[in-house]
mmCIF file of all heavy atoms, coordinates in Angstrom:
data_MODEL
# 
_entry.id   MODEL 
# 
loop_
_atom_site.group_PDB 
_atom_site.id 
_atom_site.type_symbol 
_atom_site.label_atom_id 
_atom_site.label_alt_id 
_atom_site.label_comp_id 
_atom_site.label_asym_id 
_atom_site.label_entity_id 
_atom_site.label_seq_id 
_atom_site.pdbx_PDB_ins_code 
_atom_site.Cartn_x 
_atom_site.Cartn_y 
_atom_site.Cartn_z 
_atom_site.occupancy 
_atom_site.B_iso_or_equiv 
_atom_site.pdbx_formal_charge 
_atom_site.auth_seq_id 
_atom_site.auth_comp_id 
_atom_site.auth_asym_id 
_atom_site.auth_atom_id 
_atom_site.pdbx_PDB_model_num 
ATOM 1   N N   . HIS A 1 1  ? -18.805 -4.220  -11.504 1.00 0.00 ? 1  HIS A N   1 
ATOM 2   C CA  . HIS A 1 1  ? -18.280 -2.826  -11.369 1.00 0.00 ? 1  HIS A CA  1 
ATOM 3   C C   . HIS A 1 1  ? -16.893 -2.856  -10.646 1.00 0.00 ? 1  HIS A C   1 
ATOM 4   O O   . HIS A 1 1  ? -16.407 -1.810  -10.256 1.00 0.00 ? 1  HIS A O   1 
ATOM 5   C CB  . HIS A 1 1  ? -19.239 -1.977  -10.544 1.00 0.00 ? 1  HIS A CB  1 
ATOM 6   C CG  . HIS A 1 1  ? -20.636 -1.990  -11.007 1.00 0.00 ? 1  HIS A CG  1 
ATOM 7   N ND1 . HIS A 1 1  ? -21.039 -1.359  -12.186 1.00 0.00 ? 1  HIS A ND1 1 
ATOM 8   C CD2 . HIS A 1 1  ? -21.734 -2.584  -10.572 1.00 0.00 ? 1  HIS A CD2 1 
ATOM 9   C CE1 . HIS A 1 1  ? -22.310 -1.570  -12.383 1.00 0.00 ? 1  HIS A CE1 1 
ATOM 10  N NE2 . HIS A 1 1  ? -22.761 -2.326  -11.405 1.00 0.00 ? 1  HIS A NE2 1 
ATOM 11  N N   . ALA A 1 2  ? -16.264 -4.012  -10.515 1.00 0.00 ? 2  ALA A N   1 
ATOM 12  C CA  . ALA A 1 2  ? -15.029 -4.078  -9.742  1.00 0.00 ? 2  ALA A CA  1 
ATOM 13  C C   . ALA A 1 2  ? -13.879 -3.461  -10.585 1.00 0.00 ? 2  ALA A C   1 
ATOM 14  O O   . ALA A 1 2  ? -13.857 -3.572  -11.786 1.00 0.00 ? 2  ALA A O   1 
ATOM 15  C CB  . ALA A 1 2  ? -14.672 -5.496  -9.403  1.00 0.00 ? 2  ALA A CB  1 
ATOM 16  N N   . THR A 1 3  ? -12.917 -2.882  -9.899  1.00 0.00 ? 3  THR A N   1 
ATOM 17  C CA  . THR A 1 3  ? -11.736 -2.299  -10.544 1.00 0.00 ? 3  THR A CA  1 
ATOM 18  C C   . THR A 1 3  ? -10.617 -3.380  -10.536 1.00 0.00 ? 3  THR A C   1 
ATOM 19  O O   . THR A 1 3  ? -10.743 -4.373  -9.890  1.00 0.00 ? 3  THR A O   1 
ATOM 20  C CB  . THR A 1 3  ? -11.237 -1.044  -9.784  1.00 0.00 ? 3  THR A CB  1 
ATOM 21  O OG1 . THR A 1 3  ? -10.843 -1.488  -8.445  1.00 0.00 ? 3  THR A OG1 1 
ATOM 22  C CG2 . THR A 1 3  ? -12.322 -0.050  -9.649  1.00 0.00 ? 3  THR A CG2 1 
ATOM 23  N N   . ILE A 1 4  ? -9.598  -3.088  -11.287 1.00 0.00 ? 4  ILE A N   1 
ATOM 24  C CA  . ILE A 1 4  ? -8.459  -3.991  -11.359 1.00 0.00 ? 4  ILE A CA  1 
ATOM 25  C C   . ILE A 1 4  ? -7.837  -4.158  -9.924  1.00 0.00 ? 4  ILE A C   1 
ATOM 26  O O   . ILE A 1 4  ? -7.485  -5.270  -9.565  1.00 0.00 ? 4  ILE A O   1 
ATOM 27  C CB  . ILE A 1 4  ? -7.367  -3.496  -12.343 1.00 0.00 ? 4  ILE A CB  1 
ATOM 28  C CG1 . ILE A 1 4  ? -7.919  -3.465  -13.760 1.00 0.00 ? 4  ILE A CG1 1 
ATOM 29  C CG2 . ILE A 1 4  ? -6.093  -4.307  -12.259 1.00 0.00 ? 4  ILE A CG2 1 
ATOM 30  C CD1 . ILE A 1 4  ? -8.248  -4.788  -14.284 1.00 0.00 ? 4  ILE A CD1 1 
ATOM 31  N N   . ASP A 1 5  ? -7.803  -3.056  -9.215  1.00 0.00 ? 5  ASP A N   1 
ATOM 32  C CA  . ASP A 1 5  ? -7.191  -3.103  -7.850  1.00 0.00 ? 5  ASP A CA  1 
ATOM 33  C C   . ASP A 1 5  ? -8.008  -4.038  -6.988  1.00 0.00 ? 5  ASP A C   1 
ATOM 34  O O   . ASP A 1 5  ? -7.484  -4.768  -6.114  1.00 0.00 ? 5  ASP A O   1 
ATOM 35  C CB  . ASP A 1 5  ? -7.140  -1.686  -7.219  1.00 0.00 ? 5  ASP A CB  1 
ATOM 36  C CG  . ASP A 1 5  ? -6.146  -0.784  -7.868  1.00 0.00 ? 5  ASP A CG  1 
ATOM 37  O OD1 . ASP A 1 5  ? -5.223  -1.398  -8.588  1.00 0.00 ? 5  ASP A OD1 1 
ATOM 38  O OD2 . ASP A 1 5  ? -6.229  0.401   -7.730  1.00 0.00 ? 5  ASP A OD2 1 
ATOM 39  N N   . THR A 1 6  ? -9.360  -4.016  -7.101  1.00 0.00 ? 6  THR A N   1 
ATOM 40  C CA  . THR A 1 6  ? -10.214 -4.888  -6.298  1.00 0.00 ? 6  THR A CA  1 
ATOM 41  C C   . THR A 1 6  ? -9.981  -6.324  -6.650  1.00 0.00 ? 6  THR A C   1 
ATOM 42  O O   . THR A 1 6  ? -9.891  -7.191  -5.738  1.00 0.00 ? 6  THR A O   1 
ATOM 43  C CB  . THR A 1 6  ? -11.694 -4.522  -6.533  1.00 0.00 ? 6  THR A CB  1 
ATOM 44  O OG1 . THR A 1 6  ? -11.922 -3.142  -6.216  1.00 0.00 ? 6  THR A OG1 1 
ATOM 45  C CG2 . THR A 1 6  ? -12.593 -5.385  -5.617  1.00 0.00 ? 6  THR A CG2 1 
ATOM 46  N N   . ALA A 1 7  ? -9.833  -6.642  -7.908  1.00 0.00 ? 7  ALA A N   1 
ATOM 47  C CA  . ALA A 1 7  ? -9.620  -7.986  -8.374  1.00 0.00 ? 7  ALA A CA  1 
ATOM 48  C C   . ALA A 1 7  ? -8.225  -8.499  -7.885  1.00 0.00 ? 7  ALA A C   1 
ATOM 49  O O   . ALA A 1 7  ? -8.110  -9.640  -7.435  1.00 0.00 ? 7  ALA A O   1 
ATOM 50  C CB  . ALA A 1 7  ? -9.723  -8.103  -9.873  1.00 0.00 ? 7  ALA A CB  1 
ATOM 51  N N   . VAL A 1 8  ? -7.267  -7.616  -7.911  1.00 0.00 ? 8  VAL A N   1 
ATOM 52  C CA  . VAL A 1 8  ? -5.899  -8.000  -7.453  1.00 0.00 ? 8  VAL A CA  1 
ATOM 53  C C   . VAL A 1 8  ? -5.907  -8.225  -5.956  1.00 0.00 ? 8  VAL A C   1 
ATOM 54  O O   . VAL A 1 8  ? -5.318  -9.199  -5.488  1.00 0.00 ? 8  VAL A O   1 
ATOM 55  C CB  . VAL A 1 8  ? -4.915  -6.911  -7.837  1.00 0.00 ? 8  VAL A CB  1 
ATOM 56  C CG1 . VAL A 1 8  ? -3.581  -7.170  -7.135  1.00 0.00 ? 8  VAL A CG1 1 
ATOM 57  C CG2 . VAL A 1 8  ? -4.715  -6.829  -9.328  1.00 0.00 ? 8  VAL A CG2 1 
ATOM 58  N N   . GLU A 1 9  ? -6.651  -7.401  -5.179  1.00 0.00 ? 9  GLU A N   1 
ATOM 59  C CA  . GLU A 1 9  ? -6.703  -7.589  -3.741  1.00 0.00 ? 9  GLU A CA  1 
ATOM 60  C C   . GLU A 1 9  ? -7.391  -8.853  -3.416  1.00 0.00 ? 9  GLU A C   1 
ATOM 61  O O   . GLU A 1 9  ? -6.901  -9.621  -2.542  1.00 0.00 ? 9  GLU A O   1 
ATOM 62  C CB  . GLU A 1 9  ? -7.483  -6.407  -3.180  1.00 0.00 ? 9  GLU A CB  1 
ATOM 63  C CG  . GLU A 1 9  ? -7.549  -6.570  -1.568  1.00 0.00 ? 9  GLU A CG  1 
ATOM 64  C CD  . GLU A 1 9  ? -8.400  -5.453  -0.965  1.00 0.00 ? 9  GLU A CD  1 
ATOM 65  O OE1 . GLU A 1 9  ? -8.983  -4.648  -1.725  1.00 0.00 ? 9  GLU A OE1 1 
ATOM 66  O OE2 . GLU A 1 9  ? -8.448  -5.387  0.277   1.00 0.00 ? 9  GLU A OE2 1 
ATOM 67  N N   . ALA A 1 10 ? -8.483  -9.205  -4.097  1.00 0.00 ? 10 ALA A N   1 
ATOM 68  C CA  . ALA A 1 10 ? -9.191  -10.422 -3.804  1.00 0.00 ? 10 ALA A CA  1 
ATOM 69  C C   . ALA A 1 10 ? -8.314  -11.639 -4.118  1.00 0.00 ? 10 ALA A C   1 
ATOM 70  O O   . ALA A 1 10 ? -8.266  -12.617 -3.307  1.00 0.00 ? 10 ALA A O   1 
ATOM 71  C CB  . ALA A 1 10 ? -10.462 -10.515 -4.641  1.00 0.00 ? 10 ALA A CB  1 
ATOM 72  N N   . THR A 1 11 ? -7.540  -11.573 -5.163  1.00 0.00 ? 11 THR A N   1 
ATOM 73  C CA  . THR A 1 11 ? -6.655  -12.628 -5.542  1.00 0.00 ? 11 THR A CA  1 
ATOM 74  C C   . THR A 1 11 ? -5.530  -12.780 -4.490  1.00 0.00 ? 11 THR A C   1 
ATOM 75  O O   . THR A 1 11 ? -5.137  -13.906 -4.069  1.00 0.00 ? 11 THR A O   1 
ATOM 76  C CB  . THR A 1 11 ? -6.040  -12.430 -6.903  1.00 0.00 ? 11 THR A CB  1 
ATOM 77  O OG1 . THR A 1 11 ? -7.101  -12.300 -7.884  1.00 0.00 ? 11 THR A OG1 1 
ATOM 78  C CG2 . THR A 1 11 ? -5.118  -13.596 -7.319  1.00 0.00 ? 11 THR A CG2 1 
ATOM 79  N N   . ARG A 1 12 ? -5.056  -11.665 -3.988  1.00 0.00 ? 12 ARG A N   1 
ATOM 80  C CA  . ARG A 1 12 ? -3.998  -11.699 -2.948  1.00 0.00 ? 12 ARG A CA  1 
ATOM 81  C C   . ARG A 1 12 ? -4.516  -12.332 -1.672  1.00 0.00 ? 12 ARG A C   1 
ATOM 82  O O   . ARG A 1 12 ? -3.761  -13.069 -1.042  1.00 0.00 ? 12 ARG A O   1 
ATOM 83  C CB  . ARG A 1 12 ? -3.526  -10.289 -2.697  1.00 0.00 ? 12 ARG A CB  1 
ATOM 84  C CG  . ARG A 1 12 ? -2.423  -10.197 -1.627  1.00 0.00 ? 12 ARG A CG  1 
ATOM 85  C CD  . ARG A 1 12 ? -2.099  -8.714  -1.338  1.00 0.00 ? 12 ARG A CD  1 
ATOM 86  N NE  . ARG A 1 12 ? -3.223  -8.009  -0.865  1.00 0.00 ? 12 ARG A NE  1 
ATOM 87  C CZ  . ARG A 1 12 ? -3.701  -8.051  0.370   1.00 0.00 ? 12 ARG A CZ  1 
ATOM 88  N NH1 . ARG A 1 12 ? -3.113  -8.812  1.242   1.00 0.00 ? 12 ARG A NH1 1 
ATOM 89  N NH2 . ARG A 1 12 ? -4.728  -7.339  0.724   1.00 0.00 ? 12 ARG A NH2 1 
ATOM 90  N N   . ILE A 1 13 ? -5.732  -12.022 -1.304  1.00 0.00 ? 13 ILE A N   1 
ATOM 91  C CA  . ILE A 1 13 ? -6.300  -12.614 -0.118  1.00 0.00 ? 13 ILE A CA  1 
ATOM 92  C C   . ILE A 1 13 ? -6.539  -14.161 -0.231  1.00 0.00 ? 13 ILE A C   1 
ATOM 93  O O   . ILE A 1 13 ? -6.367  -14.881 0.694   1.00 0.00 ? 13 ILE A O   1 
ATOM 94  C CB  . ILE A 1 13 ? -7.666  -11.951 0.209   1.00 0.00 ? 13 ILE A CB  1 
ATOM 95  C CG1 . ILE A 1 13 ? -7.469  -10.501 0.543   1.00 0.00 ? 13 ILE A CG1 1 
ATOM 96  C CG2 . ILE A 1 13 ? -8.360  -12.655 1.357   1.00 0.00 ? 13 ILE A CG2 1 
ATOM 97  C CD1 . ILE A 1 13 ? -8.742  -9.658  0.620   1.00 0.00 ? 13 ILE A CD1 1 
ATOM 98  N N   . GLY A 1 14 ? -6.811  -14.627 -1.469  1.00 0.00 ? 14 GLY A N   1 
ATOM 99  C CA  . GLY A 1 14 ? -6.991  -16.043 -1.617  1.00 0.00 ? 14 GLY A CA  1 
ATOM 100 C C   . GLY A 1 14 ? -8.090  -16.417 -2.617  1.00 0.00 ? 14 GLY A C   1 
ATOM 101 O O   . GLY A 1 14 ? -8.404  -17.616 -2.741  1.00 0.00 ? 14 GLY A O   1 
ATOM 102 N N   . ALA A 1 15 ? -8.652  -15.438 -3.347  1.00 0.00 ? 15 ALA A N   1 
ATOM 103 C CA  . ALA A 1 15 ? -9.730  -15.822 -4.354  1.00 0.00 ? 15 ALA A CA  1 
ATOM 104 C C   . ALA A 1 15 ? -9.069  -16.610 -5.440  1.00 0.00 ? 15 ALA A C   1 
ATOM 105 O O   . ALA A 1 15 ? -7.946  -16.399 -5.868  1.00 0.00 ? 15 ALA A O   1 
ATOM 106 C CB  . ALA A 1 15 ? -10.341 -14.553 -4.908  1.00 0.00 ? 15 ALA A CB  1 
ATOM 107 N N   . PHE A 1 16 ? -9.801  -17.566 -5.976  1.00 0.00 ? 16 PHE A N   1 
ATOM 108 C CA  . PHE A 1 16 ? -9.304  -18.457 -7.013  1.00 0.00 ? 16 PHE A CA  1 
ATOM 109 C C   . PHE A 1 16 ? -9.326  -17.764 -8.392  1.00 0.00 ? 16 PHE A C   1 
ATOM 110 O O   . PHE A 1 16 ? -8.425  -17.759 -9.146  1.00 0.00 ? 16 PHE A O   1 
ATOM 111 C CB  . PHE A 1 16 ? -10.188 -19.717 -7.114  1.00 0.00 ? 16 PHE A CB  1 
ATOM 112 C CG  . PHE A 1 16 ? -9.834  -20.602 -8.256  1.00 0.00 ? 16 PHE A CG  1 
ATOM 113 C CD1 . PHE A 1 16 ? -8.651  -21.336 -8.325  1.00 0.00 ? 16 PHE A CD1 1 
ATOM 114 C CD2 . PHE A 1 16 ? -10.679 -20.684 -9.348  1.00 0.00 ? 16 PHE A CD2 1 
ATOM 115 C CE1 . PHE A 1 16 ? -8.296  -22.133 -9.418  1.00 0.00 ? 16 PHE A CE1 1 
ATOM 116 C CE2 . PHE A 1 16 ? -10.359 -21.475 -10.473 1.00 0.00 ? 16 PHE A CE2 1 
ATOM 117 C CZ  . PHE A 1 16 ? -9.189  -22.168 -10.460 1.00 0.00 ? 16 PHE A CZ  1 
ATOM 118 N N   . SER A 1 17 ? -10.475 -17.109 -8.661  1.00 0.00 ? 17 SER A N   1 
ATOM 119 C CA  . SER A 1 17 ? -10.579 -16.371 -9.930  1.00 0.00 ? 17 SER A CA  1 
ATOM 120 C C   . SER A 1 17 ? -11.647 -15.309 -9.848  1.00 0.00 ? 17 SER A C   1 
ATOM 121 O O   . SER A 1 17 ? -12.285 -15.120 -8.803  1.00 0.00 ? 17 SER A O   1 
ATOM 122 C CB  . SER A 1 17 ? -10.877 -17.344 -11.097 1.00 0.00 ? 17 SER A CB  1 
ATOM 123 O OG  . SER A 1 17 ? -12.141 -17.954 -10.935 1.00 0.00 ? 17 SER A OG  1 
ATOM 124 N N   . PHE A 1 18 ? -11.922 -14.630 -10.956 1.00 0.00 ? 18 PHE A N   1 
ATOM 125 C CA  . PHE A 1 18 ? -12.817 -13.469 -10.962 1.00 0.00 ? 18 PHE A CA  1 
ATOM 126 C C   . PHE A 1 18 ? -13.662 -13.554 -12.236 1.00 0.00 ? 18 PHE A C   1 
ATOM 127 O O   . PHE A 1 18 ? -13.136 -13.818 -13.353 1.00 0.00 ? 18 PHE A O   1 
ATOM 128 C CB  . PHE A 1 18 ? -11.957 -12.179 -10.959 1.00 0.00 ? 18 PHE A CB  1 
ATOM 129 C CG  . PHE A 1 18 ? -12.860 -10.882 -11.088 1.00 0.00 ? 18 PHE A CG  1 
ATOM 130 C CD1 . PHE A 1 18 ? -13.470 -10.361 -9.964  1.00 0.00 ? 18 PHE A CD1 1 
ATOM 131 C CD2 . PHE A 1 18 ? -13.063 -10.316 -12.313 1.00 0.00 ? 18 PHE A CD2 1 
ATOM 132 C CE1 . PHE A 1 18 ? -14.248 -9.226  -10.108 1.00 0.00 ? 18 PHE A CE1 1 
ATOM 133 C CE2 . PHE A 1 18 ? -13.860 -9.204  -12.434 1.00 0.00 ? 18 PHE A CE2 1 
ATOM 134 C CZ  . PHE A 1 18 ? -14.421 -8.651  -11.287 1.00 0.00 ? 18 PHE A CZ  1 
ATOM 135 N N   . LEU A 1 19 ? -14.996 -13.381 -12.021 1.00 0.00 ? 19 LEU A N   1 
ATOM 136 C CA  . LEU A 1 19 ? -15.910 -13.354 -13.197 1.00 0.00 ? 19 LEU A CA  1 
ATOM 137 C C   . LEU A 1 19 ? -16.602 -11.951 -13.274 1.00 0.00 ? 19 LEU A C   1 
ATOM 138 O O   . LEU A 1 19 ? -17.100 -11.462 -12.254 1.00 0.00 ? 19 LEU A O   1 
ATOM 139 C CB  . LEU A 1 19 ? -16.996 -14.395 -13.020 1.00 0.00 ? 19 LEU A CB  1 
ATOM 140 C CG  . LEU A 1 19 ? -16.601 -15.889 -13.307 1.00 0.00 ? 19 LEU A CG  1 
ATOM 141 C CD1 . LEU A 1 19 ? -17.796 -16.791 -12.946 1.00 0.00 ? 19 LEU A CD1 1 
ATOM 142 C CD2 . LEU A 1 19 ? -16.168 -16.070 -14.725 1.00 0.00 ? 19 LEU A CD2 1 
ATOM 143 N N   . GLU A 1 20 ? -16.549 -11.383 -14.448 1.00 0.00 ? 20 GLU A N   1 
ATOM 144 C CA  . GLU A 1 20 ? -17.125 -10.105 -14.637 1.00 0.00 ? 20 GLU A CA  1 
ATOM 145 C C   . GLU A 1 20 ? -18.571 -10.241 -15.133 1.00 0.00 ? 20 GLU A C   1 
ATOM 146 O O   . GLU A 1 20 ? -18.848 -11.038 -16.027 1.00 0.00 ? 20 GLU A O   1 
ATOM 147 C CB  . GLU A 1 20 ? -16.327 -9.255  -15.683 1.00 0.00 ? 20 GLU A CB  1 
ATOM 148 C CG  . GLU A 1 20 ? -16.824 -7.897  -15.873 1.00 0.00 ? 20 GLU A CG  1 
ATOM 149 C CD  . GLU A 1 20 ? -15.964 -7.073  -16.799 1.00 0.00 ? 20 GLU A CD  1 
ATOM 150 O OE1 . GLU A 1 20 ? -15.021 -7.642  -17.378 1.00 0.00 ? 20 GLU A OE1 1 
ATOM 151 O OE2 . GLU A 1 20 ? -16.271 -5.881  -17.031 1.00 0.00 ? 20 GLU A OE2 1 
ATOM 152 N N   . LYS A 1 21 ? -19.501 -9.540  -14.511 1.00 0.00 ? 21 LYS A N   1 
ATOM 153 C CA  . LYS A 1 21 ? -20.947 -9.581  -14.940 1.00 0.00 ? 21 LYS A CA  1 
ATOM 154 C C   . LYS A 1 21 ? -21.085 -8.659  -16.130 1.00 0.00 ? 21 LYS A C   1 
ATOM 155 O O   . LYS A 1 21 ? -20.437 -7.640  -16.258 1.00 0.00 ? 21 LYS A O   1 
ATOM 156 C CB  . LYS A 1 21 ? -21.797 -9.125  -13.803 1.00 0.00 ? 21 LYS A CB  1 
ATOM 157 C CG  . LYS A 1 21 ? -21.812 -10.017 -12.550 1.00 0.00 ? 21 LYS A CG  1 
ATOM 158 C CD  . LYS A 1 21 ? -22.698 -9.434  -11.451 1.00 0.00 ? 21 LYS A CD  1 
ATOM 159 C CE  . LYS A 1 21 ? -22.713 -10.305 -10.220 1.00 0.00 ? 21 LYS A CE  1 
ATOM 160 N NZ  . LYS A 1 21 ? -23.495 -9.738  -9.143  1.00 0.00 ? 21 LYS A NZ  1 
ATOM 161 N N   . PRO A 1 22 ? -22.038 -8.935  -17.038 1.00 0.00 ? 22 PRO A N   1 
ATOM 162 C CA  . PRO A 1 22 ? -22.927 -10.157 -17.012 1.00 0.00 ? 22 PRO A CA  1 
ATOM 163 C C   . PRO A 1 22 ? -22.110 -11.417 -17.317 1.00 0.00 ? 22 PRO A C   1 
ATOM 164 O O   . PRO A 1 22 ? -21.239 -11.408 -18.172 1.00 0.00 ? 22 PRO A O   1 
ATOM 165 C CB  . PRO A 1 22 ? -23.928 -9.856  -18.078 1.00 0.00 ? 22 PRO A CB  1 
ATOM 166 C CG  . PRO A 1 22 ? -23.243 -8.902  -19.037 1.00 0.00 ? 22 PRO A CG  1 
ATOM 167 C CD  . PRO A 1 22 ? -22.379 -8.072  -18.159 1.00 0.00 ? 22 PRO A CD  1 
ATOM 168 N N   . ILE A 1 23 ? -22.470 -12.494 -16.600 1.00 0.00 ? 23 ILE A N   1 
ATOM 169 C CA  . ILE A 1 23 ? -21.671 -13.749 -16.702 1.00 0.00 ? 23 ILE A CA  1 
ATOM 170 C C   . ILE A 1 23 ? -22.350 -14.620 -17.779 1.00 0.00 ? 23 ILE A C   1 
ATOM 171 O O   . ILE A 1 23 ? -23.516 -14.978 -17.665 1.00 0.00 ? 23 ILE A O   1 
ATOM 172 C CB  . ILE A 1 23 ? -21.674 -14.465 -15.323 1.00 0.00 ? 23 ILE A CB  1 
ATOM 173 C CG1 . ILE A 1 23 ? -21.027 -13.576 -14.266 1.00 0.00 ? 23 ILE A CG1 1 
ATOM 174 C CG2 . ILE A 1 23 ? -20.883 -15.762 -15.417 1.00 0.00 ? 23 ILE A CG2 1 
ATOM 175 C CD1 . ILE A 1 23 ? -21.164 -14.076 -12.843 1.00 0.00 ? 23 ILE A CD1 1 
ATOM 176 N N   . THR A 1 24 ? -21.523 -15.035 -18.770 1.00 0.00 ? 24 THR A N   1 
ATOM 177 C CA  . THR A 1 24 ? -22.017 -15.919 -19.780 1.00 0.00 ? 24 THR A CA  1 
ATOM 178 C C   . THR A 1 24 ? -21.982 -17.344 -19.241 1.00 0.00 ? 24 THR A C   1 
ATOM 179 O O   . THR A 1 24 ? -21.168 -17.705 -18.305 1.00 0.00 ? 24 THR A O   1 
ATOM 180 C CB  . THR A 1 24 ? -21.190 -15.838 -21.034 1.00 0.00 ? 24 THR A CB  1 
ATOM 181 O OG1 . THR A 1 24 ? -19.836 -16.335 -20.815 1.00 0.00 ? 24 THR A OG1 1 
ATOM 182 C CG2 . THR A 1 24 ? -21.198 -14.417 -21.598 1.00 0.00 ? 24 THR A CG2 1 
ATOM 183 N N   . MET A 1 25 ? -22.809 -18.243 -19.809 1.00 0.00 ? 25 MET A N   1 
ATOM 184 C CA  . MET A 1 25 ? -22.784 -19.643 -19.359 1.00 0.00 ? 25 MET A CA  1 
ATOM 185 C C   . MET A 1 25 ? -21.473 -20.284 -19.599 1.00 0.00 ? 25 MET A C   1 
ATOM 186 O O   . MET A 1 25 ? -20.963 -21.058 -18.721 1.00 0.00 ? 25 MET A O   1 
ATOM 187 C CB  . MET A 1 25 ? -23.941 -20.407 -20.056 1.00 0.00 ? 25 MET A CB  1 
ATOM 188 C CG  . MET A 1 25 ? -24.071 -21.832 -19.628 1.00 0.00 ? 25 MET A CG  1 
ATOM 189 S SD  . MET A 1 25 ? -25.294 -22.750 -20.537 1.00 0.00 ? 25 MET A SD  1 
ATOM 190 C CE  . MET A 1 25 ? -26.828 -21.921 -20.000 1.00 0.00 ? 25 MET A CE  1 
ATOM 191 N N   . GLN A 1 26 ? -20.839 -20.019 -20.718 1.00 0.00 ? 26 GLN A N   1 
ATOM 192 C CA  . GLN A 1 26 ? -19.566 -20.673 -21.029 1.00 0.00 ? 26 GLN A CA  1 
ATOM 193 C C   . GLN A 1 26 ? -18.518 -20.284 -20.002 1.00 0.00 ? 26 GLN A C   1 
ATOM 194 O O   . GLN A 1 26 ? -17.782 -21.144 -19.559 1.00 0.00 ? 26 GLN A O   1 
ATOM 195 C CB  . GLN A 1 26 ? -19.087 -20.256 -22.430 1.00 0.00 ? 26 GLN A CB  1 
ATOM 196 C CG  . GLN A 1 26 ? -19.942 -20.843 -23.562 1.00 0.00 ? 26 GLN A CG  1 
ATOM 197 C CD  . GLN A 1 26 ? -21.208 -19.983 -23.843 1.00 0.00 ? 26 GLN A CD  1 
ATOM 198 O OE1 . GLN A 1 26 ? -21.500 -19.031 -23.117 1.00 0.00 ? 26 GLN A OE1 1 
ATOM 199 N NE2 . GLN A 1 26 ? -21.930 -20.381 -24.881 1.00 0.00 ? 26 GLN A NE2 1 
ATOM 200 N N   . LYS A 1 27 ? -18.422 -18.978 -19.665 1.00 0.00 ? 27 LYS A N   1 
ATOM 201 C CA  . LYS A 1 27 ? -17.388 -18.515 -18.708 1.00 0.00 ? 27 LYS A CA  1 
ATOM 202 C C   . LYS A 1 27 ? -17.685 -19.073 -17.347 1.00 0.00 ? 27 LYS A C   1 
ATOM 203 O O   . LYS A 1 27 ? -16.768 -19.435 -16.585 1.00 0.00 ? 27 LYS A O   1 
ATOM 204 C CB  . LYS A 1 27 ? -17.366 -17.015 -18.654 1.00 0.00 ? 27 LYS A CB  1 
ATOM 205 C CG  . LYS A 1 27 ? -16.721 -16.337 -19.920 1.00 0.00 ? 27 LYS A CG  1 
ATOM 206 C CD  . LYS A 1 27 ? -16.645 -14.836 -19.838 1.00 0.00 ? 27 LYS A CD  1 
ATOM 207 C CE  . LYS A 1 27 ? -16.026 -14.245 -21.026 1.00 0.00 ? 27 LYS A CE  1 
ATOM 208 N NZ  . LYS A 1 27 ? -15.930 -12.750 -20.939 1.00 0.00 ? 27 LYS A NZ  1 
# 
């Protein structure tokens, strides 16, 4: 349920990447 702003903020803080649920095995 994360928004684009949330993903951008997490990346700015230092997150490596973002996975959107439901998460497939390949991703």
